[in-house]
Amino acid sequence: RTAPSPAPETERAPDDTPSGWAPPARVSKGTPEPSPSSQLRSSRSDPIPGNAMLVAELAVPHRPKGAPFTVNDQLMVATALMIAHWNREHGSRPRPFRITMPVDDRPRDMNMPIGNGTRLVEVPFSAGELSRREWGPEEIGALLRRTAERTRALKALTRPQLGYGAALLTSPVLPVTVRAALTRGLRRAAGPWTSTTLLSNIGRVPYPLDFGDAGRAYAVWFSAPARVPRGLTVTTASTAGRLHLALRWSKTLLSHGDGAHLRDLFEHYLHATEEGTSS
């Protein structure tokens, strides 16, 4: 037997794979619009402005049959490159990324358990592998394959739905009031280690949603809260061959103009992943 040939240089992941203990990159601040209620405060001392959202309809990215990655991996790469590009434009130095992603690996058959079976995983990217300014098909293809390897490995792990920390906090060992206080304290303490963003893709909706007399819905958008320090979330669903994208952000971080630019960057890099599928 002959030894397998070494992988091309573009296939090798950089040596600076991020540690789980390294504080991840943040979405750089844009130009948030001033709010007339900026002087008001809620009972939790949070700024009133809250979140804003932009929705878009895009083409579902092409993926060759038998490709070693999924559409979800293409969405993950597009999200990472969108934020890396945005941060570079705003003068942020390269830092590791971690992107939270819900996964649901239950069987899609009659034996599928009823209820919410998703669990959260964090997909890491090193600072070096996202620092490139120009991305050709070969570089995109290599990043897609590395991302697919990471997501497969994370999906194979057995862990509680929301992680071991959340499992401990939701166990009925302590009174509810104590658990609530602990949760608030831990959320503040863990802020620097909160992931860069969240990407949630519910996948293909295979049939129109029937609302009776109100009619049928042929497009589906949904969004996830974008609380600081994360400040930006990306959510997608697809119906009738179209991808429905929702970008949601904190008004203290970004403006509608910033959101539109991020949408354009996402569309650009999502299209680039199609070119990377042929490399």
Protein backbone atom coordinates (compact mmCIF):
# COMPACT_ATOMS: atom_id res chain seq x y z
CA ARG A 1 0.00 0.00 0.00
CA THR A 2 1.21 3.48 -0.77
CA ALA A 3 1.16 6.20 1.85
CA PRO A 4 -1.54 8.82 1.34
CA SER A 5 -0.29 12.02 -0.20
CA PRO A 6 -0.10 15.00 2.18
CA ALA A 7 -2.96 17.45 2.12
CA PRO A 8 -2.40 20.66 0.17
CA GLU A 9 -1.29 23.67 2.16
CA THR A 10 -4.74 25.24 1.88
CA GLU A 11 -6.26 22.25 3.67
CA ARG A 12 -4.24 22.69 6.84
CA ALA A 13 -5.84 24.51 9.70
CA PRO A 14 -3.68 27.28 11.19
CA ASP A 15 -1.66 26.40 14.24
CA ASP A 16 -3.30 29.09 16.38
CA THR A 17 -6.55 27.20 16.88
CA PRO A 18 -8.37 29.20 19.56
CA SER A 19 -8.54 28.02 23.12
CA GLY A 20 -11.92 27.79 24.77
CA TRP A 21 -10.54 30.09 27.47
CA ALA A 22 -9.60 32.90 25.09
CA PRO A 23 -12.12 35.77 25.14
CA PRO A 24 -13.64 35.83 21.64
CA ALA A 25 -13.91 38.75 19.24
CA ARG A 26 -16.79 41.18 19.51
CA VAL A 27 -18.77 42.76 16.69
CA SER A 28 -17.23 46.21 16.27
CA LYS A 29 -19.44 49.15 17.11
CA GLY A 30 -20.95 50.93 14.14
CA THR A 31 -22.86 54.20 14.14
CA PRO A 32 -25.98 53.62 16.27
CA GLU A 33 -28.74 56.16 15.85
CA PRO A 34 -29.37 58.47 18.83
CA SER A 35 -32.54 57.63 20.67
CA PRO A 36 -34.86 60.21 22.24
CA SER A 37 -35.33 57.80 25.11
CA SER A 38 -31.60 57.31 25.70
CA GLN A 39 -31.87 59.03 29.05
CA LEU A 40 -34.50 56.58 30.25
CA ARG A 41 -33.56 53.43 32.09
CA SER A 42 -35.41 50.22 32.77
CA SER A 43 -35.65 48.62 36.19
CA ARG A 44 -32.56 46.52 35.32
CA SER A 45 -30.47 49.59 34.41
CA ASP A 46 -30.39 48.50 30.74
CA PRO A 47 -30.69 51.12 27.99
CA ILE A 48 -34.24 51.32 26.66
CA PRO A 49 -33.46 51.19 22.89
CA GLY A 50 -33.51 47.38 22.62
CA ASN A 51 -33.07 45.54 19.32
CA ALA A 52 -33.64 46.32 15.65
CA MET A 53 -33.97 43.86 12.81
CA LEU A 54 -33.53 43.56 9.06
CA VAL A 55 -34.98 40.74 6.95
CA ALA A 56 -33.93 39.67 3.47
CA GLU A 57 -34.73 36.99 0.93
CA LEU A 58 -31.73 35.34 -0.76
CA ALA A 59 -31.10 32.34 -2.96
CA VAL A 60 -30.32 29.12 -1.09
CA PRO A 61 -26.59 28.51 -1.70
CA HIS A 62 -25.71 25.77 -4.17
CA ARG A 63 -24.01 22.70 -2.74
CA PRO A 64 -22.79 19.85 -4.97
CA LYS A 65 -24.24 16.42 -4.26
CA GLY A 66 -21.90 14.49 -1.98
CA ALA A 67 -20.05 17.61 -0.79
CA PRO A 68 -18.25 17.12 2.56
CA PHE A 69 -20.07 20.11 4.05
CA THR A 70 -23.67 21.19 4.54
CA VAL A 71 -25.62 24.35 3.76
CA ASN A 72 -25.36 25.05 7.49
CA ASP A 73 -21.55 25.04 7.14
CA GLN A 74 -21.86 27.51 4.26
CA LEU A 75 -24.01 29.77 6.45
CA MET A 76 -21.46 29.45 9.26
CA VAL A 77 -18.56 30.46 6.99
CA ALA A 78 -20.56 33.37 5.53
CA THR A 79 -21.37 34.60 9.05
CA ALA A 80 -17.75 34.38 10.21
CA LEU A 81 -16.40 36.17 7.13
CA MET A 82 -19.13 38.83 7.32
CA ILE A 83 -18.14 39.78 10.87
CA ALA A 84 -14.39 39.49 10.18
CA HIS A 85 -14.78 41.86 7.21
CA TRP A 86 -16.90 44.28 9.27
CA ASN A 87 -14.42 44.29 12.14
CA ARG A 88 -11.48 44.83 9.77
CA GLU A 89 -13.28 47.83 8.22
CA HIS A 90 -13.68 49.27 11.71
CA GLY A 91 -10.05 48.87 12.73
CA SER A 92 -10.44 45.96 15.16
CA ARG A 93 -7.39 43.75 15.52
CA PRO A 94 -7.89 40.07 14.60
CA ARG A 95 -9.11 37.91 17.47
CA PRO A 96 -10.50 34.37 17.70
CA PHE A 97 -14.18 33.90 16.91
CA ARG A 98 -16.68 31.58 18.55
CA ILE A 99 -20.11 31.25 16.95
CA THR A 100 -22.93 29.62 18.91
CA MET A 101 -25.07 27.24 16.86
CA PRO A 102 -28.10 25.18 17.90
CA VAL A 103 -27.92 21.59 16.61
CA ASP A 104 -30.62 18.94 16.52
CA ASP A 105 -29.36 15.49 15.57
CA ARG A 106 -32.56 13.58 16.36
CA PRO A 107 -33.68 11.12 13.66
CA ARG A 108 -36.12 12.63 11.16
CA ASP A 109 -38.56 9.72 11.13
CA MET A 110 -41.60 8.42 13.02
CA ASN A 111 -39.37 7.68 16.03
CA MET A 112 -38.29 11.32 16.40
CA PRO A 113 -38.93 12.45 20.00
CA ILE A 114 -41.46 15.24 20.43
CA GLY A 115 -40.33 18.55 21.92
CA ASN A 116 -37.28 20.77 21.75
CA GLY A 117 -34.29 18.53 21.12
CA THR A 118 -31.77 21.20 20.19
CA ARG A 119 -28.55 21.81 22.08
CA LEU A 120 -26.03 24.63 21.78
CA VAL A 121 -22.47 24.21 20.52
CA GLU A 122 -19.78 26.80 19.83
CA VAL A 123 -17.82 26.62 16.58
CA PRO A 124 -14.33 28.16 16.95
CA PHE A 125 -12.29 30.07 14.37
CA SER A 126 -8.73 31.23 14.96
CA ALA A 127 -7.74 34.85 14.41
CA GLY A 128 -5.29 33.82 11.70
CA GLU A 129 -7.69 31.89 9.53
CA LEU A 130 -10.12 34.82 9.21
CA SER A 131 -7.54 37.61 8.77
CA ARG A 132 -7.19 37.22 4.99
CA ARG A 133 -8.36 40.26 3.00
CA GLU A 134 -8.96 38.47 -0.31
CA TRP A 135 -10.81 35.16 -0.47
CA GLY A 136 -10.57 33.01 -3.57
CA PRO A 137 -12.41 29.73 -4.26
CA GLU A 138 -9.52 27.61 -2.92
CA GLU A 139 -9.32 29.50 0.37
CA ILE A 140 -13.10 29.45 0.79
CA GLY A 141 -13.19 25.72 0.00
CA ALA A 142 -10.50 24.97 2.59
CA LEU A 143 -12.33 27.01 5.24
CA LEU A 144 -15.58 25.21 4.41
CA ARG A 145 -13.96 21.81 4.89
CA ARG A 146 -12.33 22.80 8.19
CA THR A 147 -15.64 24.20 9.43
CA ALA A 148 -17.46 21.01 8.45
CA GLU A 149 -14.92 18.91 10.39
CA ARG A 150 -15.47 21.06 13.48
CA THR A 151 -19.25 20.99 13.32
CA ARG A 152 -19.27 17.21 12.82
CA ALA A 153 -17.01 16.76 15.84
CA LEU A 154 -19.19 19.05 17.98
CA LYS A 155 -22.40 17.28 16.95
CA ALA A 156 -20.87 13.94 17.94
CA LEU A 157 -20.30 15.09 21.53
CA THR A 158 -22.83 14.08 24.18
CA ARG A 159 -23.70 16.99 26.46
CA PRO A 160 -26.74 18.66 28.08
CA GLN A 161 -28.92 20.83 25.83
CA LEU A 162 -27.70 24.16 27.23
CA GLY A 163 -24.35 22.99 28.60
CA TYR A 164 -23.23 21.68 31.97
CA GLY A 165 -23.45 25.06 33.68
CA ALA A 166 -27.08 25.55 32.67
CA ALA A 167 -27.89 21.97 33.65
CA LEU A 168 -26.54 22.67 37.14
CA LEU A 169 -28.44 25.96 37.47
CA THR A 170 -31.74 24.39 36.40
CA SER A 171 -31.45 21.38 38.70
CA PRO A 172 -33.88 21.55 41.68
CA VAL A 173 -31.09 21.47 44.27
CA LEU A 174 -31.39 25.15 45.22
CA PRO A 175 -34.47 27.37 45.64
CA VAL A 176 -35.64 29.23 42.53
CA THR A 177 -34.69 32.66 43.94
CA VAL A 178 -31.15 31.50 44.69
CA ARG A 179 -30.79 29.97 41.23
CA ALA A 180 -32.06 33.21 39.64
CA ALA A 181 -29.50 35.29 41.55
CA LEU A 182 -26.72 32.88 40.61
CA THR A 183 -27.77 32.99 36.97
CA ARG A 184 -27.61 36.80 36.87
CA GLY A 185 -24.23 36.84 38.58
CA LEU A 186 -22.76 34.17 36.32
CA ARG A 187 -24.09 35.91 33.21
CA ARG A 188 -22.24 39.09 34.18
CA ALA A 189 -19.07 37.21 35.10
CA ALA A 190 -19.10 35.17 31.89
CA GLY A 191 -19.72 38.21 29.69
CA PRO A 192 -16.16 38.42 28.31
CA TRP A 193 -16.38 34.76 27.22
CA THR A 194 -19.80 35.02 25.55
CA SER A 195 -19.56 33.91 21.93
CA THR A 196 -19.08 36.42 19.13
CA THR A 197 -22.53 35.82 17.66
CA LEU A 198 -25.30 33.24 17.31
CA LEU A 199 -26.27 31.56 14.04
CA SER A 200 -29.51 29.60 14.02
CA ASN A 201 -30.76 27.86 10.88
CA ILE A 202 -34.04 25.96 11.20
CA GLY A 203 -33.50 24.60 7.71
CA ARG A 204 -36.05 23.88 5.03
CA VAL A 205 -39.75 24.33 5.71
CA PRO A 206 -41.13 21.73 3.26
CA TYR A 207 -44.74 22.92 3.12
CA PRO A 208 -46.66 26.22 3.41
CA LEU A 209 -47.73 27.11 6.92
CA ASP A 210 -51.53 27.10 7.00
CA PHE A 211 -53.17 29.69 9.28
CA GLY A 212 -56.75 28.82 8.37
CA ASP A 213 -58.86 31.82 7.39
CA ALA A 214 -55.79 34.05 7.58
CA GLY A 215 -54.25 32.17 4.67
CA ARG A 216 -50.93 30.45 4.08
CA ALA A 217 -47.43 31.73 4.68
CA TYR A 218 -44.92 31.04 1.93
CA ALA A 219 -41.99 32.74 3.65
CA VAL A 220 -40.74 32.36 7.21
CA TRP A 221 -38.53 34.71 9.18
CA PHE A 222 -37.61 34.38 12.84
CA SER A 223 -35.04 36.08 15.03
CA ALA A 224 -33.09 35.57 18.24
CA PRO A 225 -32.43 38.26 20.90
CA ALA A 226 -29.22 40.23 20.34
CA ARG A 227 -28.24 41.17 23.86
CA VAL A 228 -24.86 42.85 24.43
CA PRO A 229 -22.04 41.74 24.64
CA ARG A 230 -23.01 39.58 21.66
CA GLY A 231 -25.04 42.37 20.08
CA LEU A 232 -25.82 40.61 16.77
CA THR A 233 -27.61 37.39 15.82
CA VAL A 234 -28.12 35.69 12.45
CA THR A 235 -31.14 33.46 11.82
CA THR A 236 -32.26 31.69 8.65
CA ALA A 237 -34.97 29.43 7.25
CA SER A 238 -35.72 28.32 3.70
CA THR A 239 -38.96 27.80 1.79
CA ALA A 240 -39.57 27.21 -1.92
CA GLY A 241 -35.86 27.40 -2.70
CA ARG A 242 -35.38 30.80 -1.06
CA LEU A 243 -33.35 31.60 2.03
CA HIS A 244 -35.03 33.93 4.52
CA LEU A 245 -32.41 35.81 6.52
CA ALA A 246 -32.98 37.89 9.65
CA LEU A 247 -30.22 40.02 11.15
CA ARG A 248 -31.04 41.33 14.62
CA TRP A 249 -28.82 43.71 16.55
CA SER A 250 -28.65 45.88 19.63
CA LYS A 251 -29.50 49.51 18.89
CA THR A 252 -26.66 50.51 21.20
CA LEU A 253 -24.22 48.79 18.80
CA LEU A 254 -25.46 49.25 15.23
CA SER A 255 -27.78 51.35 13.07
CA HIS A 256 -30.09 50.35 10.22
CA GLY A 257 -27.41 51.48 7.78
CA ASP A 258 -24.92 49.20 9.52
CA GLY A 259 -27.42 46.34 9.33
CA ALA A 260 -27.88 46.87 5.59
CA HIS A 261 -24.11 46.77 5.08
CA LEU A 262 -23.84 43.56 7.10
CA ARG A 263 -26.61 42.03 4.97
CA ASP A 264 -24.65 42.91 1.82
CA LEU A 265 -21.49 41.37 3.27
CA PHE A 266 -23.39 38.21 4.24
CA GLU A 267 -24.86 37.87 0.75
CA HIS A 268 -21.41 38.41 -0.82
CA TYR A 269 -19.70 35.74 1.28
CA LEU A 270 -22.61 33.31 0.99
CA HIS A 271 -22.28 33.54 -2.79
CA ALA A 272 -18.51 33.05 -2.39
CA THR A 273 -19.13 29.73 -0.63
CA GLU A 274 -20.82 28.51 -3.83
CA GLU A 275 -17.61 29.21 -5.73
CA GLY A 276 -15.66 27.47 -2.97
CA THR A 277 -17.67 24.27 -3.48
CA SER A 278 -15.91 23.62 -6.77
CA SER A 279 -12.37 23.98 -5.40
